[in-house]
Amino acid sequence: MGDHKEQPLRVGAAVRRRRRALELTLAVVAERSGLSVPFLSQIENERARPSQSSLEKVADALRTTAVELLAAADPACSVDVVRADDTEPECRTRVRSLVRGHHQMHAQEFTGDHDAGREFQFRNDQLMYVADGAVEIEAEGRAYRLGRADTLYLTGGVRHRWRATVPETRVVVVAVAEHIEAVRDRPRT
């Protein structure tokens, strides 16, 4: 009682809209992402659900983020419950969206390893909270070590990368959505 009716997230339409807005063919997105044209077609037609890793590759190819594609995939709800077992099945990393839909804030929980080589730079502010384990974060050339219950706040535009240093580390990342004009765009250097 009181739970929002849970439905699988349909990201295909968001991928198609973004691809068409950029006037790209499936072949171009396939080349940029390293994924096959048939697989991308299946995603767009809701016949395949991409893993978090594949969704990030598609997002990179479409010059956006996985968070934004997920946000565009689901209509906004005033109340939504995300259950503890709503986890993306992946080999060593599990990613779970904690907020679904097109909202002003996005939150994800990462459990396990994380691609330490992947650099992030978001337009708006974000907060990283270590729920369990430990991480190393490199932000603007400085290294930070965070343990259980530590947080790190990053203002919009800060380049950063991070990695878990303990198995089964859980990190919650909360960010102001990219479509929100929370801060003026800073000149990128």
Protein backbone atom coordinates (compact mmCIF):
# COMPACT_ATOMS: atom_id res chain seq x y z
CA MET A 1 0.00 0.00 0.00
CA GLY A 2 1.33 3.46 -0.87
CA ASP A 3 4.00 2.18 -3.26
CA HIS A 4 4.14 3.61 -6.74
CA LYS A 5 3.42 0.87 -9.27
CA GLU A 6 6.88 -0.29 -10.26
CA GLN A 7 7.51 -0.77 -13.98
CA PRO A 8 10.71 -1.64 -15.80
CA LEU A 9 12.62 1.39 -16.96
CA ARG A 10 12.24 1.90 -20.71
CA VAL A 11 15.38 3.65 -21.89
CA GLY A 12 15.09 2.85 -25.63
CA ALA A 13 12.87 5.80 -26.51
CA ALA A 14 15.25 8.17 -24.72
CA VAL A 15 18.20 6.76 -26.65
CA ARG A 16 16.32 7.11 -29.96
CA ARG A 17 15.22 10.69 -29.19
CA ARG A 18 18.76 11.72 -28.27
CA ARG A 19 20.27 10.02 -31.35
CA ARG A 20 17.76 11.68 -33.66
CA ALA A 21 18.21 15.08 -32.01
CA LEU A 22 21.92 14.81 -32.82
CA GLU A 23 21.02 13.59 -36.35
CA LEU A 24 23.12 10.44 -35.95
CA THR A 25 22.59 7.07 -37.56
CA LEU A 26 22.69 3.81 -35.63
CA ALA A 27 25.91 3.02 -37.50
CA VAL A 28 27.61 6.17 -36.17
CA VAL A 29 26.49 5.45 -32.60
CA ALA A 30 27.69 1.85 -32.98
CA GLU A 31 31.10 3.03 -34.16
CA ARG A 32 31.42 5.55 -31.32
CA SER A 33 30.22 3.13 -28.63
CA GLY A 34 31.81 -0.11 -29.79
CA LEU A 35 28.39 -1.80 -29.68
CA SER A 36 26.72 -3.46 -32.65
CA VAL A 37 24.00 -1.85 -34.78
CA PRO A 38 21.58 -4.78 -34.13
CA PHE A 39 22.07 -4.45 -30.36
CA LEU A 40 21.48 -0.68 -30.48
CA SER A 41 18.35 -1.26 -32.56
CA GLN A 42 17.12 -3.76 -29.97
CA ILE A 43 17.73 -1.21 -27.20
CA GLU A 44 15.81 1.49 -29.07
CA ASN A 45 12.92 -0.89 -29.73
CA GLU A 46 12.81 -2.09 -26.10
CA ARG A 47 13.77 -5.65 -27.10
CA ALA A 48 17.02 -5.50 -25.11
CA ARG A 49 17.87 -3.84 -21.81
CA PRO A 50 21.43 -2.51 -21.74
CA SER A 51 23.74 -3.17 -18.79
CA GLN A 52 25.04 -0.10 -16.95
CA SER A 53 28.33 -0.47 -18.82
CA SER A 54 26.58 -0.58 -22.23
CA LEU A 55 24.33 2.32 -21.29
CA GLU A 56 27.42 4.41 -20.38
CA LYS A 57 28.97 3.56 -23.77
CA VAL A 58 25.78 4.64 -25.54
CA ALA A 59 25.60 7.80 -23.44
CA ASP A 60 29.23 8.67 -24.25
CA ALA A 61 28.52 8.12 -27.95
CA LEU A 62 25.50 10.44 -27.67
CA ARG A 63 27.49 13.06 -25.70
CA THR A 64 25.33 12.74 -22.61
CA THR A 65 25.33 10.70 -19.41
CA ALA A 66 23.66 7.45 -18.44
CA VAL A 67 21.87 9.35 -15.68
CA GLU A 68 20.32 11.73 -18.22
CA LEU A 69 19.21 8.88 -20.47
CA LEU A 70 17.61 7.15 -17.50
CA ALA A 71 15.97 10.40 -16.42
CA ALA A 72 14.48 10.88 -19.87
CA ALA A 73 13.27 7.28 -19.92
CA ASP A 74 10.72 7.41 -17.14
CA PRO A 75 7.95 9.95 -16.55
CA ALA A 76 8.19 11.92 -13.31
CA CYS A 77 6.34 10.63 -10.26
CA SER A 78 5.66 12.51 -7.08
CA VAL A 79 6.35 9.42 -4.97
CA ASP A 80 8.42 6.44 -6.05
CA VAL A 81 9.82 3.56 -4.02
CA VAL A 82 13.03 1.89 -5.16
CA ARG A 83 13.43 -1.51 -3.54
CA ALA A 84 16.76 -2.85 -2.28
CA ASP A 85 16.72 -5.63 -4.90
CA ASP A 86 16.41 -3.21 -7.86
CA THR A 87 20.05 -3.80 -8.88
CA GLU A 88 21.52 -4.01 -12.36
CA PRO A 89 23.10 -7.46 -12.75
CA GLU A 90 26.73 -7.01 -13.75
CA CYS A 91 29.77 -9.16 -13.13
CA ARG A 92 31.79 -7.13 -10.61
CA THR A 93 29.87 -3.88 -10.29
CA ARG A 94 26.27 -3.36 -9.30
CA VAL A 95 24.62 -0.02 -9.97
CA ARG A 96 21.23 0.86 -8.62
CA SER A 97 19.35 4.06 -9.37
CA LEU A 98 17.90 5.40 -6.16
CA VAL A 99 15.74 8.02 -7.89
CA ARG A 100 13.86 7.22 -11.07
CA GLY A 101 12.39 9.62 -13.55
CA HIS A 102 13.04 13.14 -14.76
CA HIS A 103 13.74 14.99 -11.51
CA GLN A 104 15.97 17.79 -10.25
CA MET A 105 18.15 15.31 -8.40
CA HIS A 106 19.62 11.93 -9.30
CA ALA A 107 21.12 9.33 -6.98
CA GLN A 108 22.87 6.04 -7.69
CA GLU A 109 24.39 3.38 -5.47
CA PHE A 110 27.55 1.67 -6.73
CA THR A 111 28.61 -1.63 -5.14
CA GLY A 112 31.90 -3.37 -5.94
CA ASP A 113 34.60 -2.34 -8.38
CA HIS A 114 34.37 0.83 -10.44
CA ASP A 115 36.20 1.87 -13.61
CA ALA A 116 38.93 4.00 -12.02
CA GLY A 117 40.14 5.19 -15.43
CA ARG A 118 36.83 6.85 -16.27
CA GLU A 119 36.96 10.60 -15.62
CA PHE A 120 33.77 12.48 -14.82
CA GLN A 121 32.90 16.15 -15.07
CA PHE A 122 29.33 17.15 -14.36
CA ARG A 123 27.80 20.53 -14.95
CA ASN A 124 26.14 20.68 -11.52
CA ASP A 125 27.09 19.80 -7.96
CA GLN A 126 27.27 16.28 -6.59
CA LEU A 127 27.83 14.53 -3.28
CA MET A 128 29.57 11.18 -2.82
CA TYR A 129 28.78 9.21 0.35
CA VAL A 130 30.67 6.03 1.27
CA ALA A 131 28.05 3.73 2.81
CA ASP A 132 30.51 0.83 3.25
CA GLY A 133 34.17 0.19 2.47
CA ALA A 134 36.61 2.79 1.19
CA VAL A 135 37.40 4.76 -1.96
CA GLU A 136 40.14 6.90 -3.43
CA ILE A 137 38.99 9.96 -5.33
CA GLU A 138 41.13 12.18 -7.51
CA ALA A 139 39.60 15.61 -8.03
CA GLU A 140 41.35 18.47 -9.81
CA GLY A 141 44.77 16.89 -9.23
CA ARG A 142 44.33 16.13 -5.50
CA ALA A 143 43.77 12.69 -4.00
CA TYR A 144 41.25 12.01 -1.24
CA ARG A 145 40.78 8.79 0.74
CA LEU A 146 37.30 8.26 2.10
CA GLY A 147 36.11 5.55 4.47
CA ARG A 148 32.74 4.39 5.75
CA ALA A 149 30.33 7.30 6.38
CA ASP A 150 32.66 9.92 4.79
CA THR A 151 31.34 12.31 2.16
CA LEU A 152 32.91 14.40 -0.58
CA TYR A 153 31.13 17.37 -2.16
CA LEU A 154 32.08 18.41 -5.68
CA THR A 155 30.93 21.65 -7.24
CA GLY A 156 29.84 21.60 -10.86
CA GLY A 157 32.64 21.44 -13.39
CA VAL A 158 35.16 19.62 -11.17
CA ARG A 159 36.94 16.83 -13.04
CA HIS A 160 37.24 13.68 -10.98
CA ARG A 161 37.67 9.92 -10.99
CA TRP A 162 37.30 7.37 -8.23
CA ARG A 163 37.85 3.73 -7.35
CA ALA A 164 36.91 1.36 -4.57
CA THR A 165 39.86 0.22 -2.46
CA VAL A 166 37.96 -2.44 -0.48
CA PRO A 167 35.84 -5.28 -1.96
CA GLU A 168 32.06 -4.74 -1.83
CA THR A 169 32.44 -1.02 -1.24
CA ARG A 170 29.12 0.84 -1.52
CA VAL A 171 29.11 4.47 -2.67
CA VAL A 172 26.01 6.64 -3.02
CA VAL A 173 26.33 9.48 -5.53
CA VAL A 174 23.70 12.23 -5.37
CA ALA A 175 23.79 14.91 -8.06
CA VAL A 176 21.80 17.86 -9.30
CA ALA A 177 20.44 16.79 -12.70
CA GLU A 178 22.22 18.04 -15.81
CA HIS A 179 19.05 19.70 -17.16
CA ILE A 180 18.83 21.99 -14.11
CA GLU A 181 20.42 25.43 -14.33
CA ALA A 182 21.76 25.14 -10.77
CA VAL A 183 24.96 27.03 -11.53
CA ARG A 184 26.09 29.17 -14.38
CA ASP A 185 28.22 27.26 -16.83
CA ARG A 186 31.82 27.93 -16.00
CA PRO A 187 34.36 28.34 -18.78
CA ARG A 188 36.13 25.02 -19.28
CA THR A 189 39.87 25.14 -19.33
